[in-house]
Amino acid sequence: MKIFSAKVITGEGRGRTIGFPTANLDKTDLGIDFGVYAVRAHINEREFAALLHFGPQKTFAGKISTELHLKDFIGDIYGQEVRVEIIAKIREIRKFESVYDLQKQIQIDLKSI
């Protein structure tokens, strides 16, 4: 199991606009393949099931990013340190035809964490 720590930084805010806010992390040298992963995130002694997106933002023609979507989390963690335990790779990264298709896939991904 791969474990890493990173700081939460400000992103573009796109995840929030599509209903899946993400914590953007300041690390892009994880030593793992690009993909979407089931993970456990530890923040301030609390643990959350989460999805990790690591790689290019293909649907939005974006740069390589490391982003967490924390399941059932509400709050502000900008500037905080997060420890991430990678549990399993869920799927490869791919470009979706629409934001709606991406939202449907994220809902499916969340069922596996």
PDB file of N, CA and C in Angstrom:
ATOM      1  N   MET A   1       0.843  -1.179   0.000  1.00  0.00           N
ATOM      2  CA  MET A   1       0.000   0.000   0.000  1.00  0.00           C
ATOM      3  C   MET A   1       0.889   1.244   0.000  1.00  0.00           C
ATOM      4  N   LYS A   2       0.634   2.148  -0.890  1.00  0.00           N
ATOM      5  CA  LYS A   2       1.382   3.401  -1.017  1.00  0.00           C
ATOM      6  C   LYS A   2       0.754   4.449  -0.093  1.00  0.00           C
ATOM      7  N   ILE A   3       1.603   5.169   0.639  1.00  0.00           N
ATOM      8  CA  ILE A   3       1.153   6.249   1.516  1.00  0.00           C
ATOM      9  C   ILE A   3       1.986   7.483   1.205  1.00  0.00           C
ATOM     10  N   PHE A   4       1.321   8.629   1.125  1.00  0.00           N
ATOM     11  CA  PHE A   4       2.048   9.879   0.931  1.00  0.00           C
ATOM     12  C   PHE A   4       1.333  10.999   1.671  1.00  0.00           C
ATOM     13  N   SER A   5       2.054  12.076   1.908  1.00  0.00           N
ATOM     14  CA  SER A   5       1.482  13.274   2.517  1.00  0.00           C
ATOM     15  C   SER A   5       1.651  14.439   1.559  1.00  0.00           C
ATOM     16  N   ALA A   6       0.694  15.355   1.596  1.00  0.00           N
ATOM     17  CA  ALA A   6       0.741  16.527   0.728  1.00  0.00           C
ATOM     18  C   ALA A   6      -0.069  17.647   1.372  1.00  0.00           C
ATOM     19  N   LYS A   7       0.172  18.837   0.900  1.00  0.00           N
ATOM     20  CA  LYS A   7      -0.538  20.020   1.379  1.00  0.00           C
ATOM     21  C   LYS A   7      -1.694  20.338   0.433  1.00  0.00           C
ATOM     22  N   VAL A   8      -2.838  20.750   1.002  1.00  0.00           N
ATOM     23  CA  VAL A   8      -3.998  21.132   0.201  1.00  0.00           C
ATOM     24  C   VAL A   8      -3.779  22.553  -0.315  1.00  0.00           C
ATOM     25  N   ILE A   9      -3.896  22.708  -1.640  1.00  0.00           N
ATOM     26  CA  ILE A   9      -3.682  24.004  -2.278  1.00  0.00           C
ATOM     27  C   ILE A   9      -4.943  24.429  -3.028  1.00  0.00           C
ATOM     28  N   THR A  10      -4.978  25.669  -3.431  1.00  0.00           N
ATOM     29  CA  THR A  10      -6.108  26.191  -4.198  1.00  0.00           C
ATOM     30  C   THR A  10      -6.049  25.674  -5.628  1.00  0.00           C
ATOM     31  N   GLY A  11      -7.188  25.199  -6.123  1.00  0.00           N
ATOM     32  CA  GLY A  11      -7.282  24.753  -7.507  1.00  0.00           C
ATOM     33  C   GLY A  11      -8.167  25.700  -8.297  1.00  0.00           C
ATOM     34  N   GLU A  12      -8.720  25.198  -9.367  1.00  0.00           N
ATOM     35  CA  GLU A  12      -9.570  26.012 -10.230  1.00  0.00           C
ATOM     36  C   GLU A  12     -11.018  26.068  -9.747  1.00  0.00           C
ATOM     37  N   GLY A  13     -11.381  25.215  -8.793  1.00  0.00           N
ATOM     38  CA  GLY A  13     -12.747  25.214  -8.271  1.00  0.00           C
ATOM     39  C   GLY A  13     -13.750  24.498  -9.144  1.00  0.00           C
ATOM     40  N   ARG A  14     -13.266  23.791 -10.149  1.00  0.00           N
ATOM     41  CA  ARG A  14     -14.162  23.135 -11.098  1.00  0.00           C
ATOM     42  C   ARG A  14     -14.948  21.996 -10.444  1.00  0.00           C
ATOM     43  N   GLY A  15     -14.310  21.224  -9.577  1.00  0.00           N
ATOM     44  CA  GLY A  15     -14.994  20.109  -8.921  1.00  0.00           C
ATOM     45  C   GLY A  15     -16.228  20.555  -8.165  1.00  0.00           C
ATOM     46  N   ARG A  16     -16.108  21.681  -7.487  1.00  0.00           N
ATOM     47  CA  ARG A  16     -17.238  22.218  -6.724  1.00  0.00           C
ATOM     48  C   ARG A  16     -18.395  22.571  -7.657  1.00  0.00           C
ATOM     49  N   THR A  17     -18.076  23.109  -8.837  1.00  0.00           N
ATOM     50  CA  THR A  17     -19.145  23.535  -9.758  1.00  0.00           C
ATOM     51  C   THR A  17     -19.898  22.356 -10.361  1.00  0.00           C
ATOM     52  N   ILE A  18     -19.299  21.169 -10.374  1.00  0.00           N
ATOM     53  CA  ILE A  18     -20.001  20.004 -10.929  1.00  0.00           C
ATOM     54  C   ILE A  18     -20.542  19.078  -9.832  1.00  0.00           C
ATOM     55  N   GLY A  19     -20.465  19.532  -8.573  1.00  0.00           N
ATOM     56  CA  GLY A  19     -21.064  18.773  -7.480  1.00  0.00           C
ATOM     57  C   GLY A  19     -20.131  17.822  -6.764  1.00  0.00           C
ATOM     58  N   PHE A  20     -18.843  17.837  -7.094  1.00  0.00           N
ATOM     59  CA  PHE A  20     -17.866  16.964  -6.459  1.00  0.00           C
ATOM     60  C   PHE A  20     -16.626  17.774  -6.097  1.00  0.00           C
ATOM     61  N   PRO A  21     -16.688  18.555  -5.003  1.00  0.00           N
ATOM     62  CA  PRO A  21     -15.540  19.384  -4.636  1.00  0.00           C
ATOM     63  C   PRO A  21     -14.305  18.530  -4.372  1.00  0.00           C
ATOM     64  N   THR A  22     -13.159  19.055  -4.763  1.00  0.00           N
ATOM     65  CA  THR A  22     -11.909  18.329  -4.562  1.00  0.00           C
ATOM     66  C   THR A  22     -10.930  19.164  -3.756  1.00  0.00           C
ATOM     67  N   ALA A  23     -10.048  18.441  -3.073  1.00  0.00           N
ATOM     68  CA  ALA A  23      -8.907  19.059  -2.406  1.00  0.00           C
ATOM     69  C   ALA A  23      -7.725  18.837  -3.338  1.00  0.00           C
ATOM     70  N   ASN A  24      -7.217  19.908  -3.906  1.00  0.00           N
ATOM     71  CA  ASN A  24      -6.064  19.814  -4.796  1.00  0.00           C
ATOM     72  C   ASN A  24      -4.805  19.698  -3.951  1.00  0.00           C
ATOM     73  N   LEU A  25      -3.933  18.777  -4.311  1.00  0.00           N
ATOM     74  CA  LEU A  25      -2.728  18.522  -3.528  1.00  0.00           C
ATOM     75  C   LEU A  25      -1.495  19.032  -4.265  1.00  0.00           C
ATOM     76  N   ASP A  26      -0.488  19.415  -3.483  1.00  0.00           N
ATOM     77  CA  ASP A  26       0.717  20.027  -4.051  1.00  0.00           C
ATOM     78  C   ASP A  26       1.757  19.018  -4.515  1.00  0.00           C
ATOM     79  N   LYS A  27       1.350  17.785  -4.743  1.00  0.00           N
ATOM     80  CA  LYS A  27       2.285  16.733  -5.134  1.00  0.00           C
ATOM     81  C   LYS A  27       1.859  16.090  -6.445  1.00  0.00           C
ATOM     82  N   THR A  28       2.798  15.978  -7.394  1.00  0.00           N
ATOM     83  CA  THR A  28       2.503  15.280  -8.648  1.00  0.00           C
ATOM     84  C   THR A  28       3.568  14.233  -8.962  1.00  0.00           C
ATOM     85  N   ASP A  29       4.384  13.902  -7.970  1.00  0.00           N
ATOM     86  CA  ASP A  29       5.418  12.874  -8.141  1.00  0.00           C
ATOM     87  C   ASP A  29       5.125  11.706  -7.203  1.00  0.00           C
ATOM     88  N   LEU A  30       4.022  11.018  -7.450  1.00  0.00           N
ATOM     89  CA  LEU A  30       3.557   9.978  -6.530  1.00  0.00           C
ATOM     90  C   LEU A  30       4.194   8.619  -6.758  1.00  0.00           C
ATOM     91  N   GLY A  31       4.801   8.393  -7.907  1.00  0.00           N
ATOM     92  CA  GLY A  31       5.392   7.089  -8.174  1.00  0.00           C
ATOM     93  C   GLY A  31       4.360   6.008  -8.458  1.00  0.00           C
ATOM     94  N   ILE A  32       3.177   6.412  -8.920  1.00  0.00           N
ATOM     95  CA  ILE A  32       2.123   5.471  -9.299  1.00  0.00           C
ATOM     96  C   ILE A  32       1.644   5.843 -10.705  1.00  0.00           C
ATOM     97  N   ASP A  33       0.939   4.928 -11.339  1.00  0.00           N
ATOM     98  CA  ASP A  33       0.369   5.198 -12.655  1.00  0.00           C
ATOM     99  C   ASP A  33      -0.762   6.213 -12.541  1.00  0.00           C
ATOM    100  N   PHE A  34      -0.978   6.977 -13.606  1.00  0.00           N
ATOM    101  CA  PHE A  34      -2.136   7.862 -13.653  1.00  0.00           C
ATOM    102  C   PHE A  34      -3.399   7.020 -13.511  1.00  0.00           C
ATOM    103  N   GLY A  35      -4.392   7.575 -12.835  1.00  0.00           N
ATOM    104  CA  GLY A  35      -5.655   6.875 -12.684  1.00  0.00           C
ATOM    105  C   GLY A  35      -6.500   7.453 -11.577  1.00  0.00           C
ATOM    106  N   VAL A  36      -7.624   6.780 -11.334  1.00  0.00           N
ATOM    107  CA  VAL A  36      -8.528   7.115 -10.244  1.00  0.00           C
ATOM    108  C   VAL A  36      -8.429   5.982  -9.231  1.00  0.00           C
ATOM    109  N   TYR A  37      -8.223   6.359  -7.978  1.00  0.00           N
ATOM    110  CA  TYR A  37      -7.949   5.394  -6.917  1.00  0.00           C
ATOM    111  C   TYR A  37      -8.927   5.537  -5.758  1.00  0.00           C
ATOM    112  N   ALA A  38      -9.219   4.418  -5.111  1.00  0.00           N
ATOM    113  CA  ALA A  38      -9.906   4.423  -3.818  1.00  0.00           C
ATOM    114  C   ALA A  38      -8.824   4.635  -2.770  1.00  0.00           C
ATOM    115  N   VAL A  39      -9.042   5.593  -1.872  1.00  0.00           N
ATOM    116  CA  VAL A  39      -8.039   5.913  -0.856  1.00  0.00           C
ATOM    117  C   VAL A  39      -8.704   6.185   0.485  1.00  0.00           C
ATOM    118  N   ARG A  40      -7.871   6.248   1.508  1.00  0.00           N
ATOM    119  CA  ARG A  40      -8.245   6.748   2.830  1.00  0.00           C
ATOM    120  C   ARG A  40      -7.441   8.018   3.029  1.00  0.00           C
ATOM    121  N   ALA A  41      -8.111   9.088   3.407  1.00  0.00           N
ATOM    122  CA  ALA A  41      -7.447  10.368   3.645  1.00  0.00           C
ATOM    123  C   ALA A  41      -7.529  10.693   5.126  1.00  0.00           C
ATOM    124  N   HIS A  42      -6.412  11.114   5.684  1.00  0.00           N
ATOM    125  CA  HIS A  42      -6.336  11.455   7.102  1.00  0.00           C
ATOM    126  C   HIS A  42      -6.040  12.947   7.227  1.00  0.00           C
ATOM    127  N   ILE A  43      -6.964  13.658   7.873  1.00  0.00           N
ATOM    128  CA  ILE A  43      -6.834  15.099   8.063  1.00  0.00           C
ATOM    129  C   ILE A  43      -7.224  15.413   9.504  1.00  0.00           C
ATOM    130  N   ASN A  44      -6.321  16.067  10.222  1.00  0.00           N
ATOM    131  CA  ASN A  44      -6.620  16.457  11.609  1.00  0.00           C
ATOM    132  C   ASN A  44      -7.157  15.287  12.439  1.00  0.00           C
ATOM    133  N   GLU A  45      -6.514  14.154  12.345  1.00  0.00           N
ATOM    134  CA  GLU A  45      -6.860  12.953  13.098  1.00  0.00           C
ATOM    135  C   GLU A  45      -8.234  12.382  12.747  1.00  0.00           C
ATOM    136  N   ARG A  46      -8.798  12.810  11.619  1.00  0.00           N
ATOM    137  CA  ARG A  46     -10.044  12.234  11.115  1.00  0.00           C
ATOM    138  C   ARG A  46      -9.728  11.464   9.843  1.00  0.00           C
ATOM    139  N   GLU A  47     -10.467  10.398   9.611  1.00  0.00           N
ATOM    140  CA  GLU A  47     -10.255   9.574   8.421  1.00  0.00           C
ATOM    141  C   GLU A  47     -11.486   9.632   7.533  1.00  0.00           C
ATOM    142  N   PHE A  48     -11.247   9.743   6.227  1.00  0.00           N
ATOM    143  CA  PHE A  48     -12.326   9.813   5.246  1.00  0.00           C
ATOM    144  C   PHE A  48     -12.069   8.829   4.115  1.00  0.00           C
ATOM    145  N   ALA A  49     -13.123   8.176   3.641  1.00  0.00           N
ATOM    146  CA  ALA A  49     -13.052   7.455   2.375  1.00  0.00           C
ATOM    147  C   ALA A  49     -12.996   8.524   1.297  1.00  0.00           C
ATOM    148  N   ALA A  50     -12.196   8.293   0.274  1.00  0.00           N
ATOM    149  CA  ALA A  50     -12.026   9.321  -0.752  1.00  0.00           C
ATOM    150  C   ALA A  50     -11.663   8.708  -2.088  1.00  0.00           C
ATOM    151  N   LEU A  51     -11.852   9.516  -3.135  1.00  0.00           N
ATOM    152  CA  LEU A  51     -11.362   9.202  -4.474  1.00  0.00           C
ATOM    153  C   LEU A  51     -10.154  10.080  -4.730  1.00  0.00           C
ATOM    154  N   LEU A  52      -9.136   9.512  -5.341  1.00  0.00           N
ATOM    155  CA  LEU A  52      -7.952  10.260  -5.745  1.00  0.00           C
ATOM    156  C   LEU A  52      -7.868  10.238  -7.262  1.00  0.00           C
ATOM    157  N   HIS A  53      -7.823  11.410  -7.868  1.00  0.00           N
ATOM    158  CA  HIS A  53      -7.564  11.533  -9.302  1.00  0.00           C
ATOM    159  C   HIS A  53      -6.116  11.975  -9.432  1.00  0.00           C
ATOM    160  N   PHE A  54      -5.315  11.172 -10.130  1.00  0.00           N
ATOM    161  CA  PHE A  54      -3.913  11.516 -10.345  1.00  0.00           C
ATOM    162  C   PHE A  54      -3.614  11.430 -11.827  1.00  0.00           C
ATOM    163  N   GLY A  55      -3.337  12.584 -12.433  1.00  0.00           N
ATOM    164  CA  GLY A  55      -2.997  12.601 -13.845  1.00  0.00           C
ATOM    165  C   GLY A  55      -3.605  13.800 -14.548  1.00  0.00           C
ATOM    166  N   PRO A  56      -3.592  13.768 -15.887  1.00  0.00           N
ATOM    167  CA  PRO A  56      -4.122  14.889 -16.656  1.00  0.00           C
ATOM    168  C   PRO A  56      -5.641  14.981 -16.532  1.00  0.00           C
ATOM    169  N   GLN A  57      -6.133  16.195 -16.564  1.00  0.00           N
ATOM    170  CA  GLN A  57      -7.581  16.442 -16.524  1.00  0.00           C
ATOM    171  C   GLN A  57      -8.095  16.392 -17.960  1.00  0.00           C
ATOM    172  N   LYS A  58      -8.284  15.200 -18.484  1.00  0.00           N
ATOM    173  CA  LYS A  58      -8.570  15.031 -19.914  1.00  0.00           C
ATOM    174  C   LYS A  58      -9.874  15.665 -20.367  1.00  0.00           C
ATOM    175  N   THR A  59     -10.912  15.605 -19.554  1.00  0.00           N
ATOM    176  CA  THR A  59     -12.194  16.171 -19.967  1.00  0.00           C
ATOM    177  C   THR A  59     -12.100  17.682 -20.127  1.00  0.00           C
ATOM    178  N   PHE A  60     -11.237  18.315 -19.344  1.00  0.00           N
ATOM    179  CA  PHE A  60     -11.121  19.772 -19.360  1.00  0.00           C
ATOM    180  C   PHE A  60      -9.814  20.249 -19.979  1.00  0.00           C
ATOM    181  N   ALA A  61      -9.085  19.358 -20.642  1.00  0.00           N
ATOM    182  CA  ALA A  61      -7.799  19.696 -21.262  1.00  0.00           C
ATOM    183  C   ALA A  61      -6.884  20.409 -20.273  1.00  0.00           C
ATOM    184  N   GLY A  62      -6.891  19.896 -19.060  1.00  0.00           N
ATOM    185  CA  GLY A  62      -6.105  20.516 -18.001  1.00  0.00           C
ATOM    186  C   GLY A  62      -4.757  19.863 -17.806  1.00  0.00           C
ATOM    187  N   LYS A  63      -4.024  20.413 -16.886  1.00  0.00           N
ATOM    188  CA  LYS A  63      -2.682  19.921 -16.565  1.00  0.00           C
ATOM    189  C   LYS A  63      -2.772  18.678 -15.682  1.00  0.00           C
ATOM    190  N   ILE A  64      -1.632  18.100 -15.391  1.00  0.00           N
ATOM    191  CA  ILE A  64      -1.574  16.972 -14.467  1.00  0.00           C
ATOM    192  C   ILE A  64      -1.889  17.486 -13.069  1.00  0.00           C
ATOM    193  N   SER A  65      -2.773  16.779 -12.391  1.00  0.00           N
ATOM    194  CA  SER A  65      -3.175  17.200 -11.049  1.00  0.00           C
ATOM    195  C   SER A  65      -3.310  15.995 -10.128  1.00  0.00           C
ATOM    196  N   THR A  66      -3.266  16.293  -8.855  1.00  0.00           N
ATOM    197  CA  THR A  66      -3.520  15.310  -7.803  1.00  0.00           C
ATOM    198  C   THR A  66      -4.660  15.887  -6.976  1.00  0.00           C
ATOM    199  N   GLU A  67      -5.819  15.237  -7.039  1.00  0.00           N
ATOM    200  CA  GLU A  67      -7.018  15.777  -6.404  1.00  0.00           C
ATOM    201  C   GLU A  67      -7.741  14.704  -5.609  1.00  0.00           C
ATOM    202  N   LEU A  68      -8.259  15.107  -4.451  1.00  0.00           N
ATOM    203  CA  LEU A  68      -9.043  14.217  -3.598  1.00  0.00           C
ATOM    204  C   LEU A  68     -10.486  14.678  -3.545  1.00  0.00           C
ATOM    205  N   HIS A  69     -11.407  13.742  -3.666  1.00  0.00           N
ATOM    206  CA  HIS A  69     -12.805  14.030  -3.336  1.00  0.00           C
ATOM    207  C   HIS A  69     -13.100  13.231  -2.079  1.00  0.00           C
ATOM    208  N   LEU A  70     -13.292  13.946  -0.983  1.00  0.00           N
ATOM    209  CA  LEU A  70     -13.546  13.315   0.307  1.00  0.00           C
ATOM    210  C   LEU A  70     -15.040  13.022   0.438  1.00  0.00           C
ATOM    211  N   LYS A  71     -15.371  11.767   0.622  1.00  0.00           N
ATOM    212  CA  LYS A  71     -16.768  11.371   0.749  1.00  0.00           C
ATOM    213  C   LYS A  71     -17.325  11.908   2.068  1.00  0.00           C
ATOM    214  N   ASP A  72     -18.498  12.496   1.995  1.00  0.00           N
ATOM    215  CA  ASP A  72     -19.202  12.989   3.189  1.00  0.00           C
ATOM    216  C   ASP A  72     -18.410  14.021   3.978  1.00  0.00           C
ATOM    217  N   PHE A  73     -17.696  14.891   3.288  1.00  0.00           N
ATOM    218  CA  PHE A  73     -16.924  15.944   3.966  1.00  0.00           C
ATOM    219  C   PHE A  73     -17.468  17.319   3.605  1.00  0.00           C
ATOM    220  N   ILE A  74     -17.610  18.146   4.630  1.00  0.00           N
ATOM    221  CA  ILE A  74     -17.963  19.548   4.433  1.00  0.00           C
ATOM    222  C   ILE A  74     -16.979  20.352   5.264  1.00  0.00           C
ATOM    223  N   GLY A  75     -16.354  21.330   4.661  1.00  0.00           N
ATOM    224  CA  GLY A  75     -15.424  22.157   5.412  1.00  0.00           C
ATOM    225  C   GLY A  75     -14.351  22.747   4.527  1.00  0.00           C
ATOM    226  N   ASP A  76     -13.428  23.439   5.167  1.00  0.00           N
ATOM    227  CA  ASP A  76     -12.326  24.109   4.484  1.00  0.00           C
ATOM    228  C   ASP A  76     -11.017  23.542   5.026  1.00  0.00           C
ATOM    229  N   ILE A  77     -10.218  22.966   4.145  1.00  0.00           N
ATOM    230  CA  ILE A  77      -8.938  22.383   4.581  1.00  0.00           C
ATOM    231  C   ILE A  77      -7.760  22.969   3.815  1.00  0.00           C
ATOM    232  N   TYR A  78      -7.968  24.129   3.178  1.00  0.00           N
ATOM    233  CA  TYR A  78      -6.873  24.765   2.450  1.00  0.00           C
ATOM    234  C   TYR A  78      -5.674  24.975   3.377  1.00  0.00           C
ATOM    235  N   GLY A  79      -4.483  24.655   2.862  1.00  0.00           N
ATOM    236  CA  GLY A  79      -3.253  24.847   3.612  1.00  0.00           C
ATOM    237  C   GLY A  79      -2.931  23.743   4.593  1.00  0.00           C
ATOM    238  N   GLN A  80      -3.825  22.797   4.772  1.00  0.00           N
ATOM    239  CA  GLN A  80      -3.597  21.716   5.727  1.00  0.00           C
ATOM    240  C   GLN A  80      -2.879  20.540   5.067  1.00  0.00           C
ATOM    241  N   GLU A  81      -2.241  19.757   5.901  1.00  0.00           N
ATOM    242  CA  GLU A  81      -1.540  18.557   5.455  1.00  0.00           C
ATOM    243  C   GLU A  81      -2.519  17.383   5.477  1.00  0.00           C
ATOM    244  N   VAL A  82      -2.478  16.567   4.445  1.00  0.00           N
ATOM    245  CA  VAL A  82      -3.316  15.373   4.370  1.00  0.00           C
ATOM    246  C   VAL A  82      -2.415  14.168   4.116  1.00  0.00           C
ATOM    247  N   ARG A  83      -2.712  13.084   4.800  1.00  0.00           N
ATOM    248  CA  ARG A  83      -1.998  11.824   4.570  1.00  0.00           C
ATOM    249  C   ARG A  83      -2.936  10.908   3.820  1.00  0.00           C
ATOM    250  N   VAL A  84      -2.447  10.352   2.716  1.00  0.00           N
ATOM    251  CA  VAL A  84      -3.286   9.560   1.827  1.00  0.00           C
ATOM    252  C   VAL A  84      -2.755   8.136   1.745  1.00  0.00           C
ATOM    253  N   GLU A  85      -3.634   7.175   1.993  1.00  0.00           N
ATOM    254  CA  GLU A  85      -3.312   5.747   1.846  1.00  0.00           C
ATOM    255  C   GLU A  85      -4.041   5.249   0.603  1.00  0.00           C
ATOM    256  N   ILE A  86      -3.295   4.817  -0.379  1.00  0.00           N
ATOM    257  CA  ILE A  86      -3.913   4.307  -1.600  1.00  0.00           C
ATOM    258  C   ILE A  86      -4.332   2.859  -1.362  1.00  0.00           C
ATOM    259  N   ILE A  87      -5.607   2.597  -1.588  1.00  0.00           N
ATOM    260  CA  ILE A  87      -6.168   1.261  -1.362  1.00  0.00           C
ATOM    261  C   ILE A  87      -6.155   0.440  -2.655  1.00  0.00           C
ATOM    262  N   ALA A  88      -6.730   1.005  -3.722  1.00  0.00           N
ATOM    263  CA  ALA A  88      -6.827   0.262  -4.986  1.00  0.00           C
ATOM    264  C   ALA A  88      -7.080   1.210  -6.144  1.00  0.00           C
ATOM    265  N   LYS A  89      -6.569   0.837  -7.289  1.00  0.00           N
ATOM    266  CA  LYS A  89      -6.868   1.594  -8.506  1.00  0.00           C
ATOM    267  C   LYS A  89      -8.255   1.187  -8.989  1.00  0.00           C
ATOM    268  N   ILE A  90      -9.083   2.184  -9.261  1.00  0.00           N
ATOM    269  CA  ILE A  90     -10.450   1.929  -9.710  1.00  0.00           C
ATOM    270  C   ILE A  90     -10.522   1.870 -11.233  1.00  0.00           C
ATOM    271  N   ARG A  91      -9.856   2.848 -11.882  1.00  0.00           N
ATOM    272  CA  ARG A  91      -9.942   2.894 -13.340  1.00  0.00           C
ATOM    273  C   ARG A  91      -8.865   3.811 -13.900  1.00  0.00           C
ATOM    274  N   GLU A  92      -8.731   3.744 -15.212  1.00  0.00           N
ATOM    275  CA  GLU A  92      -7.845   4.650 -15.940  1.00  0.00           C
ATOM    276  C   GLU A  92      -8.532   6.005 -16.081  1.00  0.00           C
ATOM    277  N   ILE A  93      -7.750   7.020 -16.351  1.00  0.00           N
ATOM    278  CA  ILE A  93      -8.297   8.343 -16.637  1.00  0.00           C
ATOM    279  C   ILE A  93      -8.718   8.359 -18.101  1.00  0.00           C
ATOM    280  N   ARG A  94      -9.857   8.966 -18.356  1.00  0.00           N
ATOM    281  CA  ARG A  94     -10.295   9.106 -19.744  1.00  0.00           C
ATOM    282  C   ARG A  94     -11.045  10.413 -19.929  1.00  0.00           C
ATOM    283  N   LYS A  95     -11.185  10.802 -21.168  1.00  0.00           N
ATOM    284  CA  LYS A  95     -11.927  12.016 -21.501  1.00  0.00           C
ATOM    285  C   LYS A  95     -13.399  11.656 -21.654  1.00  0.00           C
ATOM    286  N   PHE A  96     -14.249  12.440 -21.006  1.00  0.00           N
ATOM    287  CA  PHE A  96     -15.687  12.227 -21.108  1.00  0.00           C
ATOM    288  C   PHE A  96     -16.273  13.206 -22.118  1.00  0.00           C
ATOM    289  N   GLU A  97     -17.329  12.779 -22.789  1.00  0.00           N
ATOM    290  CA  GLU A  97     -17.956  13.601 -23.822  1.00  0.00           C
ATOM    291  C   GLU A  97     -18.657  14.825 -23.243  1.00  0.00           C
ATOM    292  N   SER A  98     -19.092  14.720 -21.988  1.00  0.00           N
ATOM    293  CA  SER A  98     -19.802  15.838 -21.361  1.00  0.00           C
ATOM    294  C   SER A  98     -19.542  15.828 -19.861  1.00  0.00           C
ATOM    295  N   VAL A  99     -19.828  16.955 -19.233  1.00  0.00           N
ATOM    296  CA  VAL A  99     -19.721  17.041 -17.773  1.00  0.00           C
ATOM    297  C   VAL A  99     -20.707  16.062 -17.139  1.00  0.00           C
ATOM    298  N   TYR A 100     -21.877  15.911 -17.733  1.00  0.00           N
ATOM    299  CA  TYR A 100     -22.871  14.975 -17.222  1.00  0.00           C
ATOM    300  C   TYR A 100     -22.310  13.547 -17.196  1.00  0.00           C
ATOM    301  N   ASP A 101     -21.625  13.143 -18.262  1.00  0.00           N
ATOM    302  CA  ASP A 101     -21.027  11.803 -18.303  1.00  0.00           C
ATOM    303  C   ASP A 101     -19.962  11.647 -17.213  1.00  0.00           C
ATOM    304  N   LEU A 102     -19.182  12.688 -16.983  1.00  0.00           N
ATOM    305  CA  LEU A 102     -18.187  12.665 -15.911  1.00  0.00           C
ATOM    306  C   LEU A 102     -18.871  12.535 -14.554  1.00  0.00           C
ATOM    307  N   GLN A 103     -19.926  13.284 -14.321  1.00  0.00           N
ATOM    308  CA  GLN A 103     -20.654  13.210 -13.055  1.00  0.00           C
ATOM    309  C   GLN A 103     -21.198  11.800 -12.810  1.00  0.00           C
ATOM    310  N   LYS A 104     -21.758  11.185 -13.859  1.00  0.00           N
ATOM    311  CA  LYS A 104     -22.270   9.811 -13.729  1.00  0.00           C
ATOM    312  C   LYS A 104     -21.149   8.851 -13.355  1.00  0.00           C
ATOM    313  N   GLN A 105     -19.957   9.005 -13.972  1.00  0.00           N
ATOM    314  CA  GLN A 105     -18.846   8.117 -13.686  1.00  0.00           C
ATOM    315  C   GLN A 105     -18.351   8.312 -12.244  1.00  0.00           C
ATOM    316  N   ILE A 106     -18.294   9.552 -11.788  1.00  0.00           N
ATOM    317  CA  ILE A 106     -17.857   9.797 -10.409  1.00  0.00           C
ATOM    318  C   ILE A 106     -18.818   9.148  -9.430  1.00  0.00           C
ATOM    319  N   GLN A 107     -20.117   9.208  -9.710  1.00  0.00           N
ATOM    320  CA  GLN A 107     -21.095   8.547  -8.846  1.00  0.00           C
ATOM    321  C   GLN A 107     -20.838   7.038  -8.800  1.00  0.00           C
ATOM    322  N   ILE A 108     -20.492   6.457  -9.936  1.00  0.00           N
ATOM    323  CA  ILE A 108     -20.162   5.026  -9.976  1.00  0.00           C
ATOM    324  C   ILE A 108     -18.884   4.768  -9.182  1.00  0.00           C
ATOM    325  N   ASP A 109     -17.876   5.611  -9.394  1.00  0.00           N
ATOM    326  CA  ASP A 109     -16.597   5.460  -8.670  1.00  0.00           C
ATOM    327  C   ASP A 109     -16.806   5.510  -7.160  1.00  0.00           C
ATOM    328  N   LEU A 110     -17.672   6.405  -6.703  1.00  0.00           N
ATOM    329  CA  LEU A 110     -17.910   6.557  -5.257  1.00  0.00           C
ATOM    330  C   LEU A 110     -18.503   5.298  -4.639  1.00  0.00           C
ATOM    331  N   LYS A 111     -19.203   4.502  -5.419  1.00  0.00           N
ATOM    332  CA  LYS A 111     -19.778   3.260  -4.896  1.00  0.00           C
ATOM    333  C   LYS A 111     -18.703   2.232  -4.560  1.00  0.00           C
ATOM    334  N   SER A 112     -17.493   2.436  -5.095  1.00  0.00           N
ATOM    335  CA  SER A 112     -16.437   1.439  -4.864  1.00  0.00           C
ATOM    336  C   SER A 112     -15.516   1.815  -3.694  1.00  0.00           C
ATOM    337  N   ILE A 113     -15.835   2.895  -2.985  1.00  0.00           N
ATOM    338  CA  ILE A 113     -14.989   3.249  -1.830  1.00  0.00           C
ATOM    339  C   ILE A 113     -15.713   3.039  -0.527  1.00  0.00           C
TER     340      ILE A 113
END
